[in-house]
Amino acid sequence: MATLTIRGLDDATHARLRVRAARHGRSMEAEVRAILAEQLGPDGSSRPLGSRIRERFAGLGEAELEIPDRRDAPRPAAFE
């Protein structure tokens, strides 16, 4: 594991980091690791997958889907 030292962090940023870490129930060091992992994760995206999918398909509009009647018993699949 590597070690990283951050010098010259201004007081306001330090205070915001401390508050954010407390809000998430983590130490400041753990909070920094979480922030870095979120920002530099495997896909480089900080947004959740569901949000990215919704944005990608937003231009297609809303389609009306036929919802089957739940009162009908499910039918077994037919493999022929």
N, C-alpha and C. Protein backbone atom coordinates (compact mmCIF):
# COMPACT_ATOMS: atom_id res chain seq x y z
N MET A 1 0.84 -1.19 0.00
CA MET A 1 0.00 0.00 0.00
C MET A 1 0.88 1.25 0.00
N ALA A 2 0.45 2.22 -0.73
CA ALA A 2 1.19 3.48 -0.82
C ALA A 2 0.71 4.45 0.25
N THR A 3 1.54 5.42 0.55
CA THR A 3 1.20 6.47 1.51
C THR A 3 1.23 7.80 0.77
N LEU A 4 0.27 8.66 1.09
CA LEU A 4 0.16 9.96 0.45
C LEU A 4 0.09 11.03 1.53
N THR A 5 0.91 12.05 1.41
CA THR A 5 0.87 13.18 2.33
C THR A 5 0.38 14.39 1.56
N ILE A 6 -0.58 15.10 2.13
CA ILE A 6 -1.11 16.30 1.48
C ILE A 6 -0.68 17.50 2.30
N ARG A 7 0.11 18.35 1.69
CA ARG A 7 0.58 19.56 2.36
C ARG A 7 -0.19 20.77 1.84
N GLY A 8 -0.29 21.79 2.65
CA GLY A 8 -0.87 23.05 2.23
C GLY A 8 -2.38 23.02 2.07
N LEU A 9 -3.06 22.11 2.75
CA LEU A 9 -4.52 22.05 2.69
C LEU A 9 -5.08 23.21 3.50
N ASP A 10 -5.92 24.03 2.86
CA ASP A 10 -6.42 25.20 3.58
C ASP A 10 -7.41 24.78 4.67
N ASP A 11 -7.57 25.65 5.66
CA ASP A 11 -8.39 25.34 6.83
C ASP A 11 -9.84 25.06 6.49
N ALA A 12 -10.39 25.77 5.52
CA ALA A 12 -11.79 25.58 5.16
C ALA A 12 -12.01 24.19 4.56
N THR A 13 -11.11 23.75 3.69
CA THR A 13 -11.21 22.42 3.09
C THR A 13 -11.04 21.35 4.15
N HIS A 14 -10.10 21.56 5.05
CA HIS A 14 -9.87 20.62 6.15
C HIS A 14 -11.13 20.49 7.01
N ALA A 15 -11.76 21.60 7.30
CA ALA A 15 -12.98 21.59 8.13
C ALA A 15 -14.12 20.88 7.41
N ARG A 16 -14.28 21.14 6.10
CA ARG A 16 -15.34 20.47 5.34
C ARG A 16 -15.10 18.96 5.28
N LEU A 17 -13.84 18.57 5.14
CA LEU A 17 -13.49 17.16 5.11
C LEU A 17 -13.81 16.51 6.46
N ARG A 18 -13.49 17.19 7.53
CA ARG A 18 -13.76 16.66 8.87
C ARG A 18 -15.26 16.47 9.08
N VAL A 19 -16.06 17.44 8.66
CA VAL A 19 -17.52 17.36 8.81
C VAL A 19 -18.07 16.23 7.94
N ARG A 20 -17.58 16.13 6.70
CA ARG A 20 -18.05 15.08 5.79
C ARG A 20 -17.73 13.69 6.35
N ALA A 21 -16.52 13.54 6.88
CA ALA A 21 -16.12 12.26 7.47
C ALA A 21 -17.01 11.91 8.65
N ALA A 22 -17.30 12.88 9.50
CA ALA A 22 -18.16 12.64 10.66
C ALA A 22 -19.57 12.26 10.22
N ARG A 23 -20.06 12.92 9.19
CA ARG A 23 -21.40 12.63 8.67
C ARG A 23 -21.49 11.18 8.17
N HIS A 24 -20.39 10.68 7.59
CA HIS A 24 -20.36 9.30 7.08
C HIS A 24 -19.86 8.30 8.12
N GLY A 25 -19.53 8.78 9.32
CA GLY A 25 -19.08 7.90 10.39
C GLY A 25 -17.71 7.29 10.13
N ARG A 26 -16.83 8.06 9.48
CA ARG A 26 -15.49 7.57 9.15
C ARG A 26 -14.45 8.54 9.67
N SER A 27 -13.22 8.06 9.73
CA SER A 27 -12.11 8.96 10.04
C SER A 27 -11.85 9.82 8.80
N MET A 28 -11.10 10.88 8.98
CA MET A 28 -10.76 11.73 7.83
C MET A 28 -9.96 10.95 6.80
N GLU A 29 -9.06 10.11 7.27
CA GLU A 29 -8.25 9.30 6.35
C GLU A 29 -9.14 8.35 5.55
N ALA A 30 -10.09 7.70 6.21
CA ALA A 30 -11.00 6.79 5.51
C ALA A 30 -11.88 7.56 4.53
N GLU A 31 -12.27 8.76 4.90
CA GLU A 31 -13.10 9.59 4.01
C GLU A 31 -12.32 9.97 2.76
N VAL A 32 -11.07 10.33 2.91
CA VAL A 32 -10.24 10.68 1.75
C VAL A 32 -10.09 9.45 0.84
N ARG A 33 -9.87 8.27 1.43
CA ARG A 33 -9.77 7.05 0.62
C ARG A 33 -11.07 6.80 -0.15
N ALA A 34 -12.21 7.00 0.52
CA ALA A 34 -13.51 6.80 -0.14
C ALA A 34 -13.71 7.79 -1.28
N ILE A 35 -13.34 9.03 -1.07
CA ILE A 35 -13.47 10.05 -2.11
C ILE A 35 -12.60 9.69 -3.31
N LEU A 36 -11.36 9.31 -3.05
CA LEU A 36 -10.46 8.94 -4.14
C LEU A 36 -10.96 7.70 -4.88
N ALA A 37 -11.44 6.70 -4.15
CA ALA A 37 -11.95 5.49 -4.79
C ALA A 37 -13.17 5.81 -5.64
N GLU A 38 -14.03 6.69 -5.14
CA GLU A 38 -15.23 7.08 -5.89
C GLU A 38 -14.87 7.82 -7.17
N GLN A 39 -13.94 8.73 -7.07
CA GLN A 39 -13.57 9.56 -8.21
C GLN A 39 -12.68 8.84 -9.21
N LEU A 40 -11.86 7.92 -8.73
CA LEU A 40 -10.88 7.28 -9.60
C LEU A 40 -11.13 5.79 -9.74
N GLY A 41 -12.38 5.37 -9.52
CA GLY A 41 -12.74 3.96 -9.60
C GLY A 41 -12.47 3.39 -10.98
N PRO A 42 -12.82 2.12 -11.18
CA PRO A 42 -12.52 1.43 -12.43
C PRO A 42 -13.03 2.13 -13.68
N ASP A 43 -14.23 2.73 -13.61
CA ASP A 43 -14.76 3.38 -14.81
C ASP A 43 -14.53 4.89 -14.80
N GLY A 44 -13.95 5.42 -13.74
CA GLY A 44 -13.65 6.85 -13.67
C GLY A 44 -14.86 7.72 -13.45
N SER A 45 -16.02 7.12 -13.24
CA SER A 45 -17.24 7.90 -13.06
C SER A 45 -17.60 7.99 -11.59
N SER A 46 -18.03 9.17 -11.18
CA SER A 46 -18.42 9.35 -9.79
C SER A 46 -19.93 9.21 -9.61
N ARG A 47 -20.65 9.10 -10.74
CA ARG A 47 -22.10 9.02 -10.64
C ARG A 47 -22.54 7.57 -10.57
N PRO A 48 -23.60 7.29 -9.82
CA PRO A 48 -24.10 5.91 -9.70
C PRO A 48 -24.57 5.36 -11.05
N LEU A 49 -24.48 4.05 -11.19
CA LEU A 49 -24.84 3.39 -12.43
C LEU A 49 -26.27 3.69 -12.85
N GLY A 50 -27.20 3.63 -11.92
CA GLY A 50 -28.60 3.88 -12.26
C GLY A 50 -28.81 5.27 -12.84
N SER A 51 -28.13 6.27 -12.30
CA SER A 51 -28.24 7.64 -12.81
C SER A 51 -27.68 7.74 -14.22
N ARG A 52 -26.57 7.06 -14.47
CA ARG A 52 -25.99 7.09 -15.82
C ARG A 52 -26.88 6.40 -16.83
N ILE A 53 -27.51 5.28 -16.45
CA ILE A 53 -28.42 4.57 -17.36
C ILE A 53 -29.63 5.45 -17.67
N ARG A 54 -30.20 6.06 -16.62
CA ARG A 54 -31.37 6.91 -16.82
C ARG A 54 -31.05 8.06 -17.77
N GLU A 55 -29.89 8.68 -17.60
CA GLU A 55 -29.49 9.79 -18.46
C GLU A 55 -29.30 9.32 -19.91
N ARG A 56 -28.72 8.14 -20.08
CA ARG A 56 -28.46 7.64 -21.42
C ARG A 56 -29.75 7.42 -22.20
N PHE A 57 -30.80 6.95 -21.54
CA PHE A 57 -32.04 6.63 -22.23
C PHE A 57 -33.11 7.71 -22.07
N ALA A 58 -32.78 8.85 -21.49
CA ALA A 58 -33.76 9.91 -21.23
C ALA A 58 -34.35 10.46 -22.53
N GLY A 59 -33.59 10.52 -23.59
CA GLY A 59 -34.06 11.08 -24.85
C GLY A 59 -35.06 10.21 -25.58
N LEU A 60 -35.23 8.98 -25.16
CA LEU A 60 -36.15 8.07 -25.84
C LEU A 60 -37.60 8.29 -25.46
N GLY A 61 -37.84 9.04 -24.42
CA GLY A 61 -39.20 9.28 -23.96
C GLY A 61 -39.72 8.11 -23.14
N GLU A 62 -40.92 8.25 -22.67
CA GLU A 62 -41.51 7.20 -21.86
C GLU A 62 -42.39 6.33 -22.73
N ALA A 63 -42.15 5.04 -22.70
CA ALA A 63 -42.94 4.10 -23.48
C ALA A 63 -44.03 3.51 -22.60
N GLU A 64 -45.17 3.27 -23.20
CA GLU A 64 -46.25 2.61 -22.49
C GLU A 64 -46.04 1.11 -22.62
N LEU A 65 -45.93 0.44 -21.52
CA LEU A 65 -45.73 -1.00 -21.52
C LEU A 65 -47.02 -1.69 -21.11
N GLU A 66 -47.31 -2.79 -21.79
CA GLU A 66 -48.49 -3.57 -21.43
C GLU A 66 -48.15 -4.39 -20.20
N ILE A 67 -48.89 -4.19 -19.14
CA ILE A 67 -48.67 -4.91 -17.90
C ILE A 67 -49.69 -6.03 -17.82
N PRO A 68 -49.25 -7.28 -17.72
CA PRO A 68 -50.21 -8.39 -17.66
C PRO A 68 -51.03 -8.34 -16.39
N ASP A 69 -52.23 -8.89 -16.50
CA ASP A 69 -53.13 -8.94 -15.36
C ASP A 69 -52.55 -9.91 -14.33
N ARG A 70 -52.39 -9.47 -13.10
CA ARG A 70 -51.78 -10.28 -12.04
C ARG A 70 -52.72 -11.38 -11.54
N ARG A 71 -53.98 -11.30 -11.89
CA ARG A 71 -54.92 -12.32 -11.43
C ARG A 71 -54.72 -13.64 -12.17
N ASP A 72 -54.13 -13.57 -13.36
CA ASP A 72 -53.88 -14.81 -14.12
C ASP A 72 -52.72 -15.55 -13.52
N ALA A 73 -52.86 -16.88 -13.46
CA ALA A 73 -51.77 -17.71 -12.94
C ALA A 73 -50.62 -17.73 -13.94
N PRO A 74 -49.40 -17.77 -13.46
CA PRO A 74 -48.27 -17.82 -14.39
C PRO A 74 -48.30 -19.13 -15.18
N ARG A 75 -47.87 -19.04 -16.43
CA ARG A 75 -47.82 -20.21 -17.30
C ARG A 75 -46.39 -20.72 -17.36
N PRO A 76 -46.23 -22.04 -17.38
CA PRO A 76 -44.87 -22.58 -17.50
C PRO A 76 -44.33 -22.32 -18.90
N ALA A 77 -43.04 -22.20 -19.02
CA ALA A 77 -42.42 -21.98 -20.31
C ALA A 77 -42.55 -23.25 -21.16
N ALA A 78 -42.75 -23.06 -22.45
CA ALA A 78 -42.85 -24.17 -23.37
C ALA A 78 -41.56 -24.27 -24.18
N PHE A 79 -40.88 -25.39 -24.04
CA PHE A 79 -39.64 -25.62 -24.78
C PHE A 79 -39.89 -26.69 -25.81
N GLU A 80 -40.00 -26.33 -27.05
CA GLU A 80 -40.29 -27.30 -28.10
C GLU A 80 -39.19 -27.32 -29.14
